[in-house]
Amino acid sequence: MDTHVRLGVDIGRVIIDGGGPGGGDTQFFSGDTARMLATPAVPGALETLARLVPRFEEVWLISKCGERVQRNTLQWLDHQEFAARTGIPRGNVRFCRRRPDKAVHCAELGITHFVDDKLDVHQALRGIVGHRYLFGPQRSPAPGWLVHTPAWRDVERHMTLSVALRQA
């Protein structure tokens, strides 16, 4: 029985609200600093993560972006008091330049569950991460090998069951 469970979560359009399906990962970081910091969290993200964190051995944020958006992302997380509100340490953030490179981080960290809004990320995670959750509204139905979670309440419901089954 494997009781080690580690959660990985994308940031753009999963934690930081970025608009509807097909929107750019970082469209929420256009404009000045005040506008960027005023960008809201995805409804339910912070509260749900705070409830999920105790169920996992570790939780990591893994995001694809360039240097400017990395700085903005860290600034937004600090502004939101993300670590204090969710229990995810500030140091548990990884960045990469290409979406498929999230698989490298997941393999290194032993991620067992991953939440992302992009199908190509989940395709790269096949065979690496056992529990994959396609987040948010999607233009097309999710393939059968993914769990579609339109909102954070769906993520919580599916993960709570999955983690309980792994630890039984």
N, C-alpha and C. Protein backbone atom coordinates (compact mmCIF):
# COMPACT_ATOMS: atom_id res chain seq x y z
N MET A 1 0.84 -1.18 0.00
CA MET A 1 0.00 0.00 0.00
C MET A 1 0.89 1.25 0.00
N ASP A 2 0.65 2.12 -0.97
CA ASP A 2 1.42 3.37 -1.09
C ASP A 2 0.61 4.50 -0.47
N THR A 3 1.11 5.04 0.63
CA THR A 3 0.40 6.14 1.28
C THR A 3 1.04 7.49 0.99
N HIS A 4 2.10 7.53 0.20
CA HIS A 4 2.73 8.80 -0.15
C HIS A 4 1.92 9.48 -1.24
N VAL A 5 1.35 10.59 -0.90
CA VAL A 5 0.56 11.34 -1.88
C VAL A 5 1.11 12.77 -1.93
N ARG A 6 1.38 13.20 -3.14
CA ARG A 6 1.93 14.54 -3.35
C ARG A 6 1.14 15.21 -4.46
N LEU A 7 0.71 16.42 -4.16
CA LEU A 7 -0.15 17.16 -5.07
C LEU A 7 0.65 18.21 -5.82
N GLY A 8 0.40 18.32 -7.11
CA GLY A 8 0.93 19.38 -7.95
C GLY A 8 -0.23 20.18 -8.52
N VAL A 9 -0.06 21.51 -8.57
CA VAL A 9 -1.14 22.38 -9.05
C VAL A 9 -0.55 23.44 -9.96
N ASP A 10 -1.16 23.60 -11.11
CA ASP A 10 -0.83 24.71 -12.01
C ASP A 10 -1.30 26.00 -11.36
N ILE A 11 -0.83 27.13 -11.87
CA ILE A 11 -1.20 28.41 -11.27
C ILE A 11 -2.19 29.19 -12.15
N GLY A 12 -1.81 29.49 -13.39
CA GLY A 12 -2.64 30.31 -14.27
C GLY A 12 -3.93 29.61 -14.67
N ARG A 13 -5.06 30.29 -14.43
CA ARG A 13 -6.40 29.79 -14.74
C ARG A 13 -6.80 28.60 -13.87
N VAL A 14 -5.97 28.26 -12.87
CA VAL A 14 -6.30 27.22 -11.90
C VAL A 14 -6.34 27.85 -10.50
N ILE A 15 -5.34 28.66 -10.19
CA ILE A 15 -5.32 29.39 -8.92
C ILE A 15 -5.58 30.88 -9.16
N ILE A 16 -4.87 31.46 -10.13
CA ILE A 16 -5.09 32.87 -10.48
C ILE A 16 -6.08 32.91 -11.64
N ASP A 17 -7.17 33.62 -11.46
CA ASP A 17 -8.22 33.64 -12.46
C ASP A 17 -7.73 34.30 -13.75
N GLY A 18 -7.94 33.62 -14.86
CA GLY A 18 -7.44 34.13 -16.12
C GLY A 18 -8.46 34.17 -17.23
N GLY A 19 -9.71 34.03 -16.92
CA GLY A 19 -10.70 34.10 -17.98
C GLY A 19 -11.21 32.73 -18.38
N GLY A 20 -11.90 32.70 -19.50
CA GLY A 20 -12.60 31.51 -19.95
C GLY A 20 -11.72 30.51 -20.67
N PRO A 21 -12.34 29.46 -21.23
CA PRO A 21 -11.58 28.41 -21.89
C PRO A 21 -10.78 28.93 -23.07
N GLY A 22 -9.56 28.45 -23.20
CA GLY A 22 -8.72 28.81 -24.32
C GLY A 22 -7.95 30.10 -24.11
N GLY A 23 -8.17 30.77 -23.00
CA GLY A 23 -7.45 32.01 -22.72
C GLY A 23 -5.98 31.73 -22.50
N GLY A 24 -5.16 32.74 -22.70
CA GLY A 24 -3.73 32.59 -22.48
C GLY A 24 -3.42 32.34 -21.01
N ASP A 25 -2.35 31.59 -20.76
CA ASP A 25 -1.97 31.26 -19.40
C ASP A 25 -1.75 32.50 -18.54
N THR A 26 -1.21 33.55 -19.14
CA THR A 26 -0.81 34.71 -18.34
C THR A 26 -1.54 35.97 -18.76
N GLN A 27 -2.71 35.85 -19.38
CA GLN A 27 -3.44 37.04 -19.82
C GLN A 27 -3.83 37.92 -18.64
N PHE A 28 -3.86 37.36 -17.44
CA PHE A 28 -4.21 38.13 -16.25
C PHE A 28 -3.08 39.02 -15.80
N PHE A 29 -1.88 38.90 -16.38
CA PHE A 29 -0.74 39.70 -15.97
C PHE A 29 -0.39 40.77 -17.00
N SER A 30 -1.40 41.29 -17.68
CA SER A 30 -1.15 42.42 -18.57
C SER A 30 -1.57 43.68 -17.82
N GLY A 31 -0.89 44.76 -18.07
CA GLY A 31 -1.20 46.00 -17.38
C GLY A 31 -0.20 46.29 -16.27
N ASP A 32 -0.55 47.22 -15.42
CA ASP A 32 0.37 47.66 -14.37
C ASP A 32 0.31 46.74 -13.14
N THR A 33 1.20 47.02 -12.19
CA THR A 33 1.31 46.18 -10.99
C THR A 33 0.01 46.16 -10.20
N ALA A 34 -0.63 47.31 -10.05
CA ALA A 34 -1.88 47.36 -9.28
C ALA A 34 -2.95 46.47 -9.90
N ARG A 35 -3.05 46.50 -11.22
CA ARG A 35 -4.04 45.65 -11.90
C ARG A 35 -3.69 44.18 -11.72
N MET A 36 -2.40 43.86 -11.84
CA MET A 36 -1.96 42.48 -11.68
C MET A 36 -2.28 41.98 -10.28
N LEU A 37 -1.97 42.78 -9.27
CA LEU A 37 -2.22 42.35 -7.88
C LEU A 37 -3.71 42.26 -7.57
N ALA A 38 -4.52 43.00 -8.31
CA ALA A 38 -5.97 42.97 -8.11
C ALA A 38 -6.63 41.79 -8.80
N THR A 39 -5.89 41.04 -9.61
CA THR A 39 -6.46 39.88 -10.28
C THR A 39 -6.95 38.91 -9.22
N PRO A 40 -8.19 38.46 -9.32
CA PRO A 40 -8.72 37.58 -8.28
C PRO A 40 -8.21 36.14 -8.42
N ALA A 41 -8.33 35.42 -7.34
CA ALA A 41 -8.09 33.98 -7.37
C ALA A 41 -9.29 33.32 -8.03
N VAL A 42 -9.08 32.15 -8.60
CA VAL A 42 -10.19 31.36 -9.11
C VAL A 42 -11.12 31.07 -7.92
N PRO A 43 -12.43 31.24 -8.09
CA PRO A 43 -13.34 31.00 -6.98
C PRO A 43 -13.12 29.62 -6.32
N GLY A 44 -12.94 29.65 -5.01
CA GLY A 44 -12.77 28.43 -4.24
C GLY A 44 -11.36 27.88 -4.17
N ALA A 45 -10.43 28.44 -4.94
CA ALA A 45 -9.08 27.86 -5.02
C ALA A 45 -8.36 27.89 -3.67
N LEU A 46 -8.27 29.04 -3.05
CA LEU A 46 -7.48 29.16 -1.82
C LEU A 46 -8.11 28.36 -0.68
N GLU A 47 -9.41 28.44 -0.55
CA GLU A 47 -10.10 27.73 0.52
C GLU A 47 -9.99 26.21 0.34
N THR A 48 -10.16 25.76 -0.89
CA THR A 48 -10.08 24.32 -1.15
C THR A 48 -8.67 23.81 -0.94
N LEU A 49 -7.68 24.54 -1.42
CA LEU A 49 -6.30 24.11 -1.20
C LEU A 49 -5.99 24.03 0.29
N ALA A 50 -6.48 24.97 1.07
CA ALA A 50 -6.25 24.94 2.53
C ALA A 50 -6.83 23.65 3.14
N ARG A 51 -7.96 23.19 2.62
CA ARG A 51 -8.55 21.94 3.14
C ARG A 51 -7.82 20.70 2.61
N LEU A 52 -7.28 20.79 1.39
CA LEU A 52 -6.60 19.63 0.80
C LEU A 52 -5.18 19.43 1.32
N VAL A 53 -4.47 20.50 1.61
CA VAL A 53 -3.06 20.42 2.00
C VAL A 53 -2.80 19.39 3.09
N PRO A 54 -3.59 19.33 4.17
CA PRO A 54 -3.30 18.35 5.22
C PRO A 54 -3.42 16.89 4.76
N ARG A 55 -4.10 16.64 3.66
CA ARG A 55 -4.28 15.27 3.16
C ARG A 55 -3.06 14.77 2.38
N PHE A 56 -2.14 15.68 2.04
CA PHE A 56 -1.00 15.34 1.20
C PHE A 56 0.31 15.47 1.97
N GLU A 57 1.26 14.62 1.60
CA GLU A 57 2.60 14.70 2.19
C GLU A 57 3.26 16.02 1.80
N GLU A 58 3.10 16.42 0.54
CA GLU A 58 3.64 17.68 0.03
C GLU A 58 2.70 18.22 -1.03
N VAL A 59 2.69 19.54 -1.17
CA VAL A 59 1.94 20.19 -2.24
C VAL A 59 2.87 21.19 -2.91
N TRP A 60 2.89 21.15 -4.25
CA TRP A 60 3.76 22.02 -5.05
C TRP A 60 2.93 22.75 -6.10
N LEU A 61 3.33 23.98 -6.38
CA LEU A 61 2.80 24.72 -7.51
C LEU A 61 3.81 24.57 -8.64
N ILE A 62 3.33 24.21 -9.83
CA ILE A 62 4.22 23.99 -10.97
C ILE A 62 3.61 24.73 -12.16
N SER A 63 4.34 25.73 -12.66
CA SER A 63 3.78 26.62 -13.66
C SER A 63 4.74 26.86 -14.82
N LYS A 64 4.18 27.03 -16.01
CA LYS A 64 4.96 27.37 -17.20
C LYS A 64 4.86 28.87 -17.40
N CYS A 65 6.02 29.55 -17.42
CA CYS A 65 6.02 30.98 -17.70
C CYS A 65 7.46 31.48 -17.85
N GLY A 66 7.60 32.69 -18.32
CA GLY A 66 8.90 33.34 -18.44
C GLY A 66 9.25 34.09 -17.17
N GLU A 67 10.40 34.75 -17.19
CA GLU A 67 10.91 35.41 -15.99
C GLU A 67 10.00 36.52 -15.46
N ARG A 68 9.48 37.36 -16.33
CA ARG A 68 8.62 38.46 -15.88
C ARG A 68 7.37 37.91 -15.19
N VAL A 69 6.75 36.92 -15.79
CA VAL A 69 5.54 36.35 -15.19
C VAL A 69 5.87 35.57 -13.91
N GLN A 70 7.07 34.97 -13.85
CA GLN A 70 7.49 34.34 -12.59
C GLN A 70 7.50 35.37 -11.46
N ARG A 71 8.14 36.51 -11.73
CA ARG A 71 8.20 37.56 -10.71
C ARG A 71 6.80 38.03 -10.32
N ASN A 72 5.95 38.25 -11.33
CA ASN A 72 4.58 38.69 -11.06
C ASN A 72 3.80 37.64 -10.28
N THR A 73 4.00 36.39 -10.63
CA THR A 73 3.30 35.30 -9.94
C THR A 73 3.70 35.26 -8.47
N LEU A 74 4.98 35.31 -8.19
CA LEU A 74 5.45 35.29 -6.81
C LEU A 74 4.94 36.52 -6.05
N GLN A 75 4.92 37.66 -6.73
CA GLN A 75 4.41 38.88 -6.10
C GLN A 75 2.92 38.74 -5.79
N TRP A 76 2.16 38.17 -6.73
CA TRP A 76 0.73 37.95 -6.52
C TRP A 76 0.50 36.99 -5.35
N LEU A 77 1.25 35.88 -5.33
CA LEU A 77 1.11 34.91 -4.23
C LEU A 77 1.40 35.58 -2.88
N ASP A 78 2.45 36.38 -2.81
CA ASP A 78 2.78 37.08 -1.57
C ASP A 78 1.66 38.07 -1.20
N HIS A 79 1.19 38.81 -2.18
CA HIS A 79 0.13 39.80 -1.95
C HIS A 79 -1.14 39.13 -1.40
N GLN A 80 -1.42 37.94 -1.87
CA GLN A 80 -2.60 37.19 -1.43
C GLN A 80 -2.37 36.46 -0.11
N GLU A 81 -1.14 36.53 0.43
CA GLU A 81 -0.75 35.76 1.62
C GLU A 81 -1.05 34.28 1.41
N PHE A 82 -0.69 33.83 0.22
CA PHE A 82 -1.01 32.48 -0.24
C PHE A 82 -0.49 31.39 0.70
N ALA A 83 0.77 31.48 1.11
CA ALA A 83 1.34 30.45 1.97
C ALA A 83 0.58 30.36 3.29
N ALA A 84 0.30 31.49 3.90
CA ALA A 84 -0.42 31.50 5.18
C ALA A 84 -1.85 31.01 5.02
N ARG A 85 -2.48 31.36 3.91
CA ARG A 85 -3.89 31.01 3.71
C ARG A 85 -4.09 29.56 3.29
N THR A 86 -3.10 28.98 2.61
CA THR A 86 -3.28 27.62 2.10
C THR A 86 -2.45 26.58 2.82
N GLY A 87 -1.34 26.98 3.45
CA GLY A 87 -0.43 26.01 4.06
C GLY A 87 0.61 25.48 3.09
N ILE A 88 0.65 26.00 1.87
CA ILE A 88 1.66 25.60 0.88
C ILE A 88 2.85 26.53 1.05
N PRO A 89 4.02 25.99 1.43
CA PRO A 89 5.19 26.86 1.66
C PRO A 89 5.56 27.67 0.42
N ARG A 90 6.03 28.89 0.64
CA ARG A 90 6.43 29.76 -0.46
C ARG A 90 7.50 29.12 -1.34
N GLY A 91 8.35 28.31 -0.75
CA GLY A 91 9.41 27.65 -1.51
C GLY A 91 8.94 26.50 -2.38
N ASN A 92 7.70 26.11 -2.26
CA ASN A 92 7.17 24.98 -3.03
C ASN A 92 6.54 25.45 -4.34
N VAL A 93 7.31 26.23 -5.08
CA VAL A 93 6.88 26.72 -6.39
C VAL A 93 7.98 26.41 -7.39
N ARG A 94 7.61 25.79 -8.50
CA ARG A 94 8.56 25.48 -9.57
C ARG A 94 8.04 26.09 -10.86
N PHE A 95 8.98 26.56 -11.69
CA PHE A 95 8.62 27.14 -12.98
C PHE A 95 9.38 26.42 -14.09
N CYS A 96 8.77 26.37 -15.26
CA CYS A 96 9.43 25.83 -16.45
C CYS A 96 9.02 26.68 -17.64
N ARG A 97 9.72 26.50 -18.76
CA ARG A 97 9.47 27.32 -19.95
C ARG A 97 8.49 26.70 -20.93
N ARG A 98 8.29 25.40 -20.85
CA ARG A 98 7.38 24.70 -21.77
C ARG A 98 6.42 23.85 -20.95
N ARG A 99 5.17 23.82 -21.34
CA ARG A 99 4.17 23.04 -20.59
C ARG A 99 4.57 21.58 -20.39
N PRO A 100 5.05 20.89 -21.42
CA PRO A 100 5.41 19.48 -21.20
C PRO A 100 6.53 19.28 -20.18
N ASP A 101 7.31 20.33 -19.91
CA ASP A 101 8.38 20.22 -18.92
C ASP A 101 7.86 20.07 -17.49
N LYS A 102 6.56 20.31 -17.30
CA LYS A 102 5.99 20.07 -15.97
C LYS A 102 6.16 18.60 -15.59
N ALA A 103 6.23 17.73 -16.58
CA ALA A 103 6.41 16.30 -16.31
C ALA A 103 7.75 16.03 -15.62
N VAL A 104 8.78 16.77 -15.98
CA VAL A 104 10.10 16.61 -15.35
C VAL A 104 10.00 16.93 -13.86
N HIS A 105 9.34 18.05 -13.54
CA HIS A 105 9.17 18.43 -12.14
C HIS A 105 8.33 17.40 -11.39
N CYS A 106 7.26 16.94 -12.01
CA CYS A 106 6.40 15.95 -11.35
C CYS A 106 7.16 14.66 -11.06
N ALA A 107 8.00 14.23 -12.00
CA ALA A 107 8.79 13.02 -11.79
C ALA A 107 9.78 13.22 -10.64
N GLU A 108 10.48 14.36 -10.63
CA GLU A 108 11.45 14.65 -9.57
C GLU A 108 10.80 14.72 -8.20
N LEU A 109 9.62 15.29 -8.13
CA LEU A 109 8.94 15.51 -6.86
C LEU A 109 8.06 14.34 -6.41
N GLY A 110 7.87 13.36 -7.28
CA GLY A 110 7.01 12.23 -6.94
C GLY A 110 5.54 12.61 -6.85
N ILE A 111 5.11 13.52 -7.71
CA ILE A 111 3.72 13.98 -7.69
C ILE A 111 2.79 12.82 -8.06
N THR A 112 1.75 12.63 -7.25
CA THR A 112 0.77 11.56 -7.50
C THR A 112 -0.55 12.10 -8.04
N HIS A 113 -0.83 13.39 -7.78
CA HIS A 113 -2.07 14.03 -8.20
C HIS A 113 -1.70 15.39 -8.80
N PHE A 114 -2.31 15.73 -9.95
CA PHE A 114 -1.98 17.00 -10.59
C PHE A 114 -3.22 17.66 -11.15
N VAL A 115 -3.32 18.98 -10.94
CA VAL A 115 -4.44 19.78 -11.45
C VAL A 115 -3.89 20.78 -12.45
N ASP A 116 -4.43 20.76 -13.67
CA ASP A 116 -4.02 21.70 -14.72
C ASP A 116 -5.18 21.88 -15.68
N ASP A 117 -5.24 23.03 -16.31
CA ASP A 117 -6.33 23.32 -17.25
C ASP A 117 -5.97 23.01 -18.70
N LYS A 118 -4.76 22.53 -18.95
CA LYS A 118 -4.31 22.30 -20.33
C LYS A 118 -4.16 20.80 -20.62
N LEU A 119 -4.81 20.36 -21.69
CA LEU A 119 -4.76 18.97 -22.09
C LEU A 119 -3.35 18.51 -22.43
N ASP A 120 -2.54 19.37 -23.09
CA ASP A 120 -1.20 18.95 -23.47
C ASP A 120 -0.31 18.67 -22.25
N VAL A 121 -0.56 19.36 -21.16
CA VAL A 121 0.18 19.07 -19.92
C VAL A 121 -0.17 17.66 -19.44
N HIS A 122 -1.44 17.37 -19.42
CA HIS A 122 -1.88 16.05 -18.95
C HIS A 122 -1.37 14.93 -19.86
N GLN A 123 -1.29 15.19 -21.15
CA GLN A 123 -0.72 14.19 -22.06
C GLN A 123 0.73 13.91 -21.70
N ALA A 124 1.48 14.95 -21.35
CA ALA A 124 2.89 14.78 -20.97
C ALA A 124 3.03 14.05 -19.63
N LEU A 125 2.01 14.12 -18.79
CA LEU A 125 2.06 13.51 -17.46
C LEU A 125 1.63 12.04 -17.45
N ARG A 126 1.09 11.56 -18.56
CA ARG A 126 0.67 10.15 -18.61
C ARG A 126 1.86 9.25 -18.32
N GLY A 127 1.66 8.29 -17.44
CA GLY A 127 2.73 7.39 -17.05
C GLY A 127 3.62 7.94 -15.94
N ILE A 128 3.42 9.20 -15.56
CA ILE A 128 4.22 9.84 -14.50
C ILE A 128 3.35 10.14 -13.28
N VAL A 129 2.19 10.73 -13.54
CA VAL A 129 1.26 11.10 -12.47
C VAL A 129 0.00 10.25 -12.64
N GLY A 130 -0.34 9.52 -11.59
CA GLY A 130 -1.47 8.59 -11.68
C GLY A 130 -2.84 9.24 -11.68
N HIS A 131 -2.99 10.37 -11.00
CA HIS A 131 -4.29 11.02 -10.86
C HIS A 131 -4.19 12.43 -11.46
N ARG A 132 -4.86 12.60 -12.62
CA ARG A 132 -4.77 13.86 -13.34
C ARG A 132 -6.16 14.47 -13.46
N TYR A 133 -6.22 15.78 -13.14
CA TYR A 133 -7.49 16.49 -13.11
C TYR A 133 -7.44 17.66 -14.08
N LEU A 134 -8.28 17.61 -15.11
CA LEU A 134 -8.38 18.68 -16.10
C LEU A 134 -9.34 19.72 -15.55
N PHE A 135 -8.79 20.88 -15.21
CA PHE A 135 -9.55 21.88 -14.47
C PHE A 135 -10.27 22.87 -15.37
N GLY A 136 -11.42 23.31 -14.89
CA GLY A 136 -12.12 24.45 -15.48
C GLY A 136 -12.94 24.11 -16.71
N PRO A 137 -13.55 25.16 -17.27
CA PRO A 137 -14.32 24.96 -18.49
C PRO A 137 -13.40 24.58 -19.64
N GLN A 138 -13.87 23.69 -20.48
CA GLN A 138 -13.07 23.22 -21.61
C GLN A 138 -13.90 23.33 -22.89
N ARG A 139 -13.23 23.53 -23.99
CA ARG A 139 -13.91 23.63 -25.29
C ARG A 139 -14.40 22.28 -25.79
N SER A 140 -13.69 21.22 -25.40
CA SER A 140 -14.04 19.86 -25.84
C SER A 140 -14.16 18.97 -24.62
N PRO A 141 -14.90 17.88 -24.74
CA PRO A 141 -15.00 16.94 -23.61
C PRO A 141 -13.62 16.36 -23.27
N ALA A 142 -13.40 16.09 -22.00
CA ALA A 142 -12.13 15.51 -21.54
C ALA A 142 -12.04 14.07 -22.01
N PRO A 143 -10.83 13.62 -22.41
CA PRO A 143 -10.67 12.21 -22.75
C PRO A 143 -10.93 11.33 -21.53
N GLY A 144 -11.24 10.07 -21.77
CA GLY A 144 -11.59 9.15 -20.70
C GLY A 144 -10.49 8.89 -19.69
N TRP A 145 -9.24 9.17 -20.02
CA TRP A 145 -8.13 8.92 -19.10
C TRP A 145 -7.88 10.10 -18.16
N LEU A 146 -8.74 11.11 -18.22
CA LEU A 146 -8.64 12.29 -17.36
C LEU A 146 -9.93 12.46 -16.57
N VAL A 147 -9.83 13.06 -15.40
CA VAL A 147 -11.01 13.44 -14.64
C VAL A 147 -11.21 14.94 -14.88
N HIS A 148 -12.37 15.28 -15.45
CA HIS A 148 -12.67 16.70 -15.66
C HIS A 148 -13.23 17.27 -14.37
N THR A 149 -12.63 18.34 -13.89
CA THR A 149 -13.08 19.01 -12.68
C THR A 149 -13.36 20.46 -13.03
N PRO A 150 -14.62 20.79 -13.34
CA PRO A 150 -14.96 22.14 -13.77
C PRO A 150 -14.70 23.22 -12.73
N ALA A 151 -14.77 22.88 -11.44
CA ALA A 151 -14.60 23.86 -10.37
C ALA A 151 -13.83 23.22 -9.22
N TRP A 152 -13.39 24.04 -8.27
CA TRP A 152 -12.61 23.52 -7.15
C TRP A 152 -13.39 22.55 -6.29
N ARG A 153 -14.71 22.70 -6.19
CA ARG A 153 -15.50 21.74 -5.41
C ARG A 153 -15.38 20.34 -6.01
N ASP A 154 -15.27 20.27 -7.35
CA ASP A 154 -15.11 18.98 -8.02
C ASP A 154 -13.73 18.39 -7.75
N VAL A 155 -12.70 19.25 -7.76
CA VAL A 155 -11.34 18.80 -7.44
C VAL A 155 -11.34 18.19 -6.04
N GLU A 156 -11.91 18.91 -5.09
CA GLU A 156 -11.91 18.44 -3.70
C GLU A 156 -12.63 17.11 -3.56
N ARG A 157 -13.77 16.98 -4.19
CA ARG A 157 -14.55 15.74 -4.10
C ARG A 157 -13.77 14.56 -4.65
N HIS A 158 -13.19 14.71 -5.83
CA HIS A 158 -12.44 13.61 -6.45
C HIS A 158 -11.16 13.29 -5.68
N MET A 159 -10.44 14.32 -5.25
CA MET A 159 -9.18 14.07 -4.54
C MET A 159 -9.41 13.46 -3.17
N THR A 160 -10.41 13.92 -2.48
CA THR A 160 -10.69 13.37 -1.15
C THR A 160 -10.95 11.87 -1.25
N LEU A 161 -11.72 11.46 -2.23
CA LEU A 161 -12.00 10.04 -2.43
C LEU A 161 -10.72 9.29 -2.84
N SER A 162 -9.97 9.85 -3.77
CA SER A 162 -8.75 9.20 -4.26
C SER A 162 -7.72 9.00 -3.14
N VAL A 163 -7.50 10.04 -2.34
CA VAL A 163 -6.51 9.95 -1.26
C VAL A 163 -6.98 8.96 -0.20
N ALA A 164 -8.27 8.98 0.12
CA ALA A 164 -8.80 8.05 1.12
C ALA A 164 -8.62 6.60 0.66
N LEU A 165 -8.86 6.35 -0.61
CA LEU A 165 -8.70 4.99 -1.16
C LEU A 165 -7.24 4.55 -1.11
N ARG A 166 -6.31 5.46 -1.41
CA ARG A 166 -4.88 5.12 -1.39
C ARG A 166 -4.39 4.82 0.02
N GLN A 167 -5.00 5.48 1.00
CA GLN A 167 -4.53 5.33 2.38
C GLN A 167 -5.31 4.27 3.16
N ALA A 168 -6.29 3.67 2.51
CA ALA A 168 -7.11 2.64 3.19
C ALA A 168 -6.33 1.33 3.34
